[in-house]
Amino acid sequence: MTEQRRPKGTGSIRQRGARYQATYSFVDGTGARRRRSERFDTRTEARKWLNARLNEVDLGKVVDTSALTVDEYLTQWVASLPLTGLEPTTLNWYRSAVETHIVPALGRVRLDRLSPTRIDVFLATKAESGRVDGKGGLGPTSLRRLRTTLSKALSDAVRKGLIAENPMKRVDPLRVPRSDVTATVWSPQTISKFLTAAKDDRLFPLWRLAAMTGLRREELAALTWPDIDLKAGVVSVRRARVDIGGEIIVKGPKSAASRRLVDLDDQTLKVLRNWRKRQAKERLTVGPGWDPSEWVFTDKIGRPWRPDGITYRFTKAVKKAGLPSTHIKGLRHAHATALLMTGAHPKVVQERLGHASIKVTMDIYSSVLPGIQREAIDRLANIIDH
């Protein structure tokens, strides 16, 4: 039996213009010589990278990936995702990013030649508007998901020994300005006009609850009557109903902070009580065919609304009311903005919305804060000067 040869490595560092190129070569287990190079801003970075690579060669961790393309690797990676215990929504994001964006653009590239520069160009192209394909660029959320997907996939490739380093570590930071969600958000007066115009809509109780609690669409779709304490005036957010490839599944809230208790105002409680009475009559009429799951917002035979169905009905209701167009998420933003403008502490807004941290709340609604600060200083001045 022929003994397999242990890889042997050598390396060097040379200055190339203003940067430093680290190169190492080795003879792999098959006897073939392989060569890898990377460029760095400083000699120290280059030396650190080179030492790590040579150490991998000495330990026999180097794998020949010369024939493996990004497409081939990501196909295997996506197939293994269901075994990792990720949330269904996260799995769906990863698959979509890989199949729709990454593979079409980078699939033919050899995995070991996927450089930070090539990824920079790919992401910049995705961020552009008016590309040659006639489609607009991706928004900040989609771009972040692309970066997250690539980073996760390439990190796994490093862990498996398929590449020496994750090139995402040296990709340029994502410089996408956060959109000002409050720029076109409805005012409390507009919300009032909408609710008045939509008072006869079957989903009026949902519109009212959304506007007065800031619950997410998927959280509203997942509410059951045991989640609402009509005596204490509190709604408990415990789950969400989400669309995964056309299939509606029930899952836990978006994050640990999303599992929360939200106080209800008296008028919203009155609307919900009246809705429950109406729904109980419908249930008696339908009989055994009624869905037994006790969903709060249902059609006439007790079936819960799909999240996309809620969006469709909301869009129609807004158009019918003749009001400025907005997504149903606009009710969530309007709720938060109105609370901040009435002087509510951002921590209260964070807890009602279920944000993971107060920083998230402050980042999203930062444009509201200057006005609040002005009002606060004016009130302070009135106290001191009078």
Protein backbone atom coordinates (compact mmCIF):
# COMPACT_ATOMS: atom_id res chain seq x y z
CA MET A 1 0.00 0.00 0.00
CA THR A 2 1.41 3.37 -1.05
CA GLU A 3 1.74 5.89 1.75
CA GLN A 4 -0.13 9.14 1.07
CA ARG A 5 2.18 12.14 0.87
CA ARG A 6 1.79 14.78 3.53
CA PRO A 7 1.41 18.34 2.14
CA LYS A 8 4.48 20.55 2.37
CA GLY A 9 4.13 24.31 2.15
CA THR A 10 6.29 27.35 1.41
CA GLY A 11 5.33 31.01 1.35
CA SER A 12 6.45 34.55 0.66
CA ILE A 13 5.30 38.15 0.97
CA ARG A 14 5.94 40.82 -1.67
CA GLN A 15 4.92 44.44 -1.90
CA ARG A 16 2.68 45.16 -4.90
CA GLY A 17 2.15 48.89 -5.17
CA ALA A 18 0.61 50.10 -1.92
CA ARG A 19 -0.45 46.59 -0.86
CA TYR A 20 1.24 43.34 0.15
CA GLN A 21 0.71 40.02 -1.61
CA ALA A 22 1.05 36.86 0.43
CA THR A 23 1.60 33.66 -1.56
CA TYR A 24 1.95 30.08 -0.47
CA SER A 25 2.32 26.86 -2.41
CA PHE A 26 2.15 23.24 -1.39
CA VAL A 27 2.17 19.72 -2.77
CA ASP A 28 -1.14 18.06 -1.96
CA GLY A 29 -1.81 14.42 -1.18
CA THR A 30 -1.96 13.51 -4.87
CA GLY A 31 1.45 14.97 -5.61
CA ALA A 32 0.09 18.02 -7.45
CA ARG A 33 1.49 21.45 -6.59
CA ARG A 34 -1.08 24.08 -5.61
CA ARG A 35 -0.60 27.85 -5.23
CA ARG A 36 -2.74 30.43 -3.44
CA SER A 37 -2.35 34.25 -3.14
CA GLU A 38 -4.13 37.09 -1.35
CA ARG A 39 -3.44 40.84 -1.06
CA PHE A 40 -3.55 42.92 2.12
CA ASP A 41 -3.24 46.54 3.17
CA THR A 42 -0.39 45.89 5.63
CA ARG A 43 2.52 43.47 5.90
CA THR A 44 1.29 42.43 9.34
CA GLU A 45 -2.06 41.28 7.92
CA ALA A 46 -0.31 39.44 5.11
CA ARG A 47 2.06 37.68 7.55
CA LYS A 48 -0.81 36.66 9.83
CA TRP A 49 -2.76 35.17 6.91
CA LEU A 50 0.30 33.40 5.48
CA ASN A 51 1.25 31.84 8.82
CA ALA A 52 -2.30 30.54 9.27
CA ARG A 53 -2.33 29.00 5.80
CA LEU A 54 1.09 27.36 6.20
CA ASN A 55 -0.03 25.97 9.56
CA GLU A 56 -3.05 24.41 7.83
CA VAL A 57 -0.76 22.84 5.26
CA ASP A 58 1.49 21.40 7.99
CA LEU A 59 -1.56 19.94 9.75
CA GLY A 60 -2.85 18.40 6.52
CA LYS A 61 -6.03 20.49 6.51
CA VAL A 62 -5.70 21.77 2.97
CA VAL A 63 -8.26 20.36 0.56
CA ASP A 64 -7.98 20.59 -3.22
CA THR A 65 -11.07 22.43 -4.36
CA SER A 66 -9.82 23.31 -7.83
CA ALA A 67 -12.79 21.63 -9.52
CA LEU A 68 -15.49 22.81 -7.11
CA THR A 69 -17.58 25.76 -8.30
CA VAL A 70 -19.72 28.10 -6.22
CA ASP A 71 -22.81 26.56 -7.82
CA GLU A 72 -21.76 23.01 -6.90
CA TYR A 73 -20.89 23.95 -3.36
CA LEU A 74 -24.03 26.00 -2.72
CA THR A 75 -26.23 23.24 -4.13
CA GLN A 76 -24.77 20.88 -1.52
CA TRP A 77 -24.96 23.55 1.17
CA VAL A 78 -28.64 24.36 0.55
CA ALA A 79 -29.49 20.65 0.58
CA SER A 80 -27.92 20.32 4.03
CA LEU A 81 -29.72 23.32 5.57
CA PRO A 82 -32.85 21.46 6.80
CA LEU A 83 -30.57 19.42 9.07
CA THR A 84 -29.22 22.50 10.85
CA GLY A 85 -32.33 23.35 12.88
CA LEU A 86 -32.81 26.80 11.35
CA GLU A 87 -36.17 28.56 11.37
CA PRO A 88 -38.29 27.87 8.25
CA THR A 89 -38.24 31.56 7.33
CA THR A 90 -34.43 31.64 7.55
CA LEU A 91 -34.18 28.51 5.38
CA ASN A 92 -36.45 30.16 2.84
CA TRP A 93 -34.29 33.33 2.79
CA TYR A 94 -31.12 31.29 2.26
CA ARG A 95 -32.63 29.23 -0.57
CA SER A 96 -34.07 32.29 -2.27
CA ALA A 97 -30.79 34.22 -2.04
CA VAL A 98 -28.82 31.30 -3.46
CA GLU A 99 -31.17 30.34 -6.27
CA THR A 100 -32.36 33.80 -7.33
CA HIS A 101 -29.24 35.92 -6.93
CA ILE A 102 -25.96 34.24 -5.98
CA VAL A 103 -25.81 31.23 -8.30
CA PRO A 104 -26.90 33.10 -11.46
CA ALA A 105 -24.16 35.69 -10.89
CA LEU A 106 -21.35 33.72 -9.23
CA GLY A 107 -22.19 30.07 -9.83
CA ARG A 108 -19.48 29.37 -12.42
CA VAL A 109 -16.69 30.85 -10.32
CA ARG A 110 -14.36 28.37 -8.65
CA LEU A 111 -15.05 28.36 -4.93
CA ASP A 112 -11.39 28.92 -4.06
CA ARG A 113 -11.24 31.89 -6.46
CA LEU A 114 -14.24 33.74 -5.10
CA SER A 115 -12.45 36.92 -4.05
CA PRO A 116 -13.64 39.85 -1.92
CA THR A 117 -13.40 42.11 -4.97
CA ARG A 118 -15.67 39.86 -7.02
CA ILE A 119 -18.21 39.80 -4.18
CA ASP A 120 -18.00 43.61 -3.86
CA VAL A 121 -18.87 43.96 -7.54
CA PHE A 122 -21.72 41.45 -7.21
CA LEU A 123 -23.28 43.28 -4.26
CA ALA A 124 -22.80 46.69 -5.86
CA THR A 125 -24.59 45.45 -8.99
CA LYS A 126 -27.45 44.14 -6.90
CA ALA A 127 -27.76 47.49 -5.16
CA GLU A 128 -27.93 49.48 -8.40
CA SER A 129 -31.21 50.71 -9.85
CA GLY A 130 -32.00 50.58 -13.54
CA ARG A 131 -29.66 47.68 -14.36
CA VAL A 132 -29.41 46.29 -17.88
CA ASP A 133 -32.06 43.71 -17.06
CA GLY A 134 -34.51 46.56 -16.54
CA LYS A 135 -35.12 45.76 -12.89
CA GLY A 136 -34.52 48.04 -9.96
CA GLY A 137 -31.85 47.36 -7.36
CA LEU A 138 -32.46 45.38 -4.20
CA GLY A 139 -33.45 47.21 -1.06
CA PRO A 140 -31.42 47.34 2.18
CA THR A 141 -33.14 44.32 3.75
CA SER A 142 -32.59 42.10 0.68
CA LEU A 143 -28.95 43.19 0.41
CA ARG A 144 -28.34 42.37 4.06
CA ARG A 145 -29.88 38.94 3.56
CA LEU A 146 -27.60 38.35 0.56
CA ARG A 147 -24.55 39.25 2.63
CA THR A 148 -25.72 37.10 5.54
CA THR A 149 -26.32 34.13 3.26
CA LEU A 150 -22.93 34.39 1.56
CA SER A 151 -21.15 34.87 4.86
CA LYS A 152 -22.85 31.85 6.42
CA ALA A 153 -22.24 29.61 3.40
CA LEU A 154 -18.57 30.58 3.06
CA SER A 155 -17.99 30.31 6.79
CA ASP A 156 -19.28 26.74 6.60
CA ALA A 157 -16.93 26.13 3.65
CA VAL A 158 -13.97 27.24 5.79
CA ARG A 159 -15.12 25.02 8.65
CA LYS A 160 -15.27 22.05 6.28
CA GLY A 161 -11.81 22.76 4.92
CA LEU A 162 -12.99 23.62 1.41
CA ILE A 163 -11.42 27.10 1.45
CA ALA A 164 -8.72 28.60 3.63
CA GLU A 165 -10.47 31.87 4.51
CA ASN A 166 -13.92 33.43 4.26
CA PRO A 167 -13.60 36.22 1.67
CA MET A 168 -16.64 37.97 3.18
CA LYS A 169 -14.37 39.10 6.03
CA ARG A 170 -12.71 41.55 3.63
CA VAL A 171 -15.76 42.62 1.64
CA ASP A 172 -16.51 46.34 1.79
CA PRO A 173 -19.10 47.33 4.44
CA LEU A 174 -22.66 47.66 3.20
CA ARG A 175 -23.30 51.38 2.74
CA VAL A 176 -27.02 51.47 2.11
CA PRO A 177 -28.83 54.37 3.74
CA ARG A 178 -31.61 53.25 6.03
CA SER A 179 -34.91 54.29 4.52
CA ASP A 180 -36.90 56.78 6.57
CA VAL A 181 -40.01 54.76 7.37
CA THR A 182 -41.60 57.80 8.96
CA ALA A 183 -41.32 59.99 5.85
CA THR A 184 -44.69 58.86 4.46
CA VAL A 185 -46.20 57.33 7.59
CA TRP A 186 -49.82 58.06 8.36
CA SER A 187 -50.60 60.67 10.98
CA PRO A 188 -53.07 59.88 13.80
CA GLN A 189 -55.62 61.97 11.89
CA THR A 190 -55.17 59.80 8.77
CA ILE A 191 -55.53 56.64 10.84
CA SER A 192 -58.76 58.03 12.26
CA LYS A 193 -60.07 58.76 8.76
CA PHE A 194 -59.17 55.23 7.64
CA LEU A 195 -60.85 53.53 10.58
CA THR A 196 -63.96 55.65 10.10
CA ALA A 197 -64.11 54.78 6.40
CA ALA A 198 -63.47 51.07 7.05
CA LYS A 199 -65.87 50.62 9.99
CA ASP A 200 -68.09 48.22 7.97
CA ASP A 201 -65.15 46.16 6.64
CA ARG A 202 -65.06 42.59 7.93
CA LEU A 203 -61.45 43.12 8.96
CA PHE A 204 -62.12 46.42 10.73
CA PRO A 205 -61.30 44.83 14.15
CA LEU A 206 -57.93 43.76 12.74
CA TRP A 207 -57.22 47.23 11.33
CA ARG A 208 -58.10 48.75 14.70
CA LEU A 209 -55.90 46.31 16.63
CA ALA A 210 -52.98 46.83 14.24
CA ALA A 211 -53.20 50.61 14.51
CA MET A 212 -53.46 50.59 18.31
CA THR A 213 -50.84 47.91 19.11
CA GLY A 214 -48.28 47.89 16.29
CA LEU A 215 -48.50 44.09 15.96
CA ARG A 216 -46.92 42.59 12.85
CA ARG A 217 -49.16 41.21 10.11
CA GLU A 218 -48.03 37.63 10.81
CA GLU A 219 -48.71 38.08 14.53
CA LEU A 220 -52.21 39.39 13.87
CA ALA A 221 -52.92 36.44 11.56
CA ALA A 222 -51.87 34.00 14.31
CA LEU A 223 -53.98 35.39 17.20
CA THR A 224 -56.44 33.09 18.92
CA TRP A 225 -59.04 34.16 21.49
CA PRO A 226 -57.09 32.66 24.43
CA ASP A 227 -54.35 35.16 23.52
CA ILE A 228 -56.62 38.11 24.31
CA ASP A 229 -57.69 38.86 27.88
CA LEU A 230 -60.73 41.08 27.36
CA LYS A 231 -61.07 41.68 31.10
CA ALA A 232 -57.47 42.67 31.79
CA GLY A 233 -57.17 44.48 28.46
CA VAL A 234 -54.03 42.68 27.29
CA VAL A 235 -53.06 40.75 24.16
CA SER A 236 -50.37 38.09 24.41
CA VAL A 237 -48.18 37.69 21.32
CA ARG A 238 -47.07 34.06 21.25
CA ARG A 239 -46.80 32.99 17.62
CA ALA A 240 -46.85 34.01 13.98
CA ARG A 241 -48.34 32.57 10.80
CA VAL A 242 -45.89 32.89 7.91
CA ASP A 243 -45.87 32.00 4.23
CA ILE A 244 -43.06 29.57 3.32
CA GLY A 245 -43.12 28.89 -0.40
CA GLY A 246 -46.89 29.19 -0.54
CA GLU A 247 -47.48 27.04 2.54
CA ILE A 248 -48.73 28.77 5.70
CA ILE A 249 -47.05 27.53 8.86
CA VAL A 250 -47.40 28.53 12.52
CA LYS A 251 -44.14 29.31 14.27
CA GLY A 252 -42.79 31.14 17.27
CA PRO A 253 -42.48 34.94 17.19
CA LYS A 254 -39.70 36.63 15.22
CA SER A 255 -37.42 36.82 18.27
CA ALA A 256 -37.49 36.32 22.03
CA ALA A 257 -38.43 39.98 22.44
CA SER A 258 -41.37 39.47 20.08
CA ARG A 259 -43.02 37.21 22.67
CA ARG A 260 -44.72 39.95 24.67
CA LEU A 261 -47.80 41.38 26.38
CA VAL A 262 -49.37 44.49 24.83
CA ASP A 263 -51.92 46.66 26.64
CA LEU A 264 -55.17 47.54 24.84
CA ASP A 265 -57.21 50.73 25.02
CA ASP A 266 -60.90 50.71 26.02
CA GLN A 267 -62.27 51.42 22.53
CA THR A 268 -60.23 48.60 20.96
CA LEU A 269 -61.51 46.24 23.67
CA LYS A 270 -65.07 47.29 22.82
CA VAL A 271 -64.45 46.59 19.11
CA LEU A 272 -63.03 43.16 19.91
CA ARG A 273 -65.93 42.25 22.20
CA ASN A 274 -68.45 43.17 19.51
CA TRP A 275 -66.46 41.21 16.94
CA ARG A 276 -66.40 38.13 19.16
CA LYS A 277 -70.19 38.26 19.53
CA ARG A 278 -70.63 38.50 15.76
CA GLN A 279 -68.19 35.67 15.20
CA ALA A 280 -70.01 33.47 17.75
CA LYS A 281 -73.27 33.90 15.80
CA GLU A 282 -71.52 32.95 12.57
CA ARG A 283 -70.06 29.89 14.26
CA LEU A 284 -73.51 28.69 15.30
CA THR A 285 -74.78 29.19 11.75
CA VAL A 286 -71.92 27.23 10.16
CA GLY A 287 -71.96 24.45 12.73
CA PRO A 288 -69.41 21.57 12.63
CA GLY A 289 -67.70 23.02 9.55
CA TRP A 290 -66.26 25.90 11.59
CA ASP A 291 -62.50 25.75 12.18
CA PRO A 292 -62.08 24.71 15.85
CA SER A 293 -58.78 26.56 16.40
CA GLU A 294 -60.39 29.72 17.87
CA TRP A 295 -58.70 32.12 15.47
CA VAL A 296 -59.55 35.75 16.20
CA PHE A 297 -59.71 36.99 12.62
CA THR A 298 -61.57 34.62 10.32
CA ASP A 299 -63.65 34.48 7.18
CA LYS A 300 -67.35 33.55 7.29
CA ILE A 301 -66.68 29.84 7.88
CA GLY A 302 -64.01 30.25 10.55
CA ARG A 303 -60.87 29.93 8.45
CA PRO A 304 -57.96 32.20 9.48
CA TRP A 305 -56.75 34.84 7.05
CA ARG A 306 -53.54 34.25 5.16
CA PRO A 307 -50.96 37.02 5.69
CA ASP A 308 -51.03 37.92 1.99
CA GLY A 309 -54.83 37.95 2.12
CA ILE A 310 -54.67 40.53 4.92
CA THR A 311 -52.38 42.71 2.81
CA TYR A 312 -54.70 42.43 -0.18
CA ARG A 313 -57.77 43.43 1.83
CA PHE A 314 -55.91 46.31 3.46
CA THR A 315 -54.76 47.68 0.10
CA LYS A 316 -58.37 47.60 -1.16
CA ALA A 317 -59.67 49.28 2.00
CA VAL A 318 -57.10 52.09 1.76
CA LYS A 319 -57.92 52.68 -1.92
CA LYS A 320 -61.65 52.71 -1.16
CA ALA A 321 -61.07 55.28 1.60
CA GLY A 322 -59.16 57.50 -0.84
CA LEU A 323 -56.13 57.77 1.44
CA PRO A 324 -52.37 57.82 0.67
CA SER A 325 -51.15 54.34 -0.26
CA THR A 326 -49.30 52.40 2.43
CA HIS A 327 -48.52 48.79 3.30
CA ILE A 328 -50.23 47.28 6.33
CA LYS A 329 -46.86 47.54 8.05
CA GLY A 330 -47.52 51.27 7.81
CA LEU A 331 -50.03 50.88 10.66
CA ARG A 332 -47.20 49.50 12.80
CA HIS A 333 -44.97 52.45 11.93
CA ALA A 334 -47.83 54.89 12.47
CA HIS A 335 -48.49 53.43 15.92
CA ALA A 336 -44.84 53.78 16.96
CA THR A 337 -44.49 57.27 15.53
CA ALA A 338 -47.68 58.51 17.19
CA LEU A 339 -46.57 57.14 20.57
CA LEU A 340 -43.18 58.85 20.32
CA MET A 341 -44.78 62.13 19.29
CA THR A 342 -47.09 62.01 22.32
CA GLY A 343 -44.06 61.74 24.58
CA ALA A 344 -43.95 57.97 25.19
CA HIS A 345 -40.53 56.70 26.23
CA PRO A 346 -38.75 54.81 23.40
CA LYS A 347 -38.45 51.82 25.77
CA VAL A 348 -42.25 51.59 25.87
CA VAL A 349 -42.37 51.67 22.07
CA GLN A 350 -39.68 49.01 21.86
CA GLU A 351 -41.59 46.67 24.15
CA ARG A 352 -44.92 47.19 22.35
CA LEU A 353 -43.36 46.53 18.95
CA GLY A 354 -41.28 43.58 20.15
CA HIS A 355 -37.95 44.93 18.94
CA ALA A 356 -34.90 42.99 20.10
CA SER A 357 -33.32 46.15 21.56
CA ILE A 358 -34.05 49.82 22.05
CA LYS A 359 -31.28 50.57 19.52
CA VAL A 360 -33.43 49.02 16.78
CA THR A 361 -36.32 51.28 17.75
CA MET A 362 -34.11 54.38 17.89
CA ASP A 363 -32.53 53.60 14.50
CA ILE A 364 -35.87 53.11 12.74
CA TYR A 365 -37.63 56.11 14.23
CA SER A 366 -34.66 58.47 14.56
CA SER A 367 -36.27 61.07 12.27
CA VAL A 368 -39.09 61.54 14.79
CA LEU A 369 -36.77 62.29 17.69
CA PRO A 370 -35.59 65.81 16.74
CA GLY A 371 -39.17 67.08 16.85
CA ILE A 372 -39.72 65.41 20.20
CA GLN A 373 -36.51 66.98 21.53
CA ARG A 374 -37.66 70.44 20.37
CA GLU A 375 -41.01 70.06 22.14
CA ALA A 376 -39.29 68.84 25.30
CA ILE A 377 -36.85 71.75 25.45
CA ASP A 378 -39.66 74.23 24.82
CA ARG A 379 -41.65 72.78 27.73
CA LEU A 380 -38.55 72.96 29.95
CA ALA A 381 -37.95 76.58 28.94
CA ASN A 382 -41.58 77.45 29.80
CA ILE A 383 -41.18 75.94 33.25
CA ILE A 384 -37.92 77.73 33.98
CA ASP A 385 -38.86 81.12 32.52
CA HIS A 386 -42.37 81.44 33.97
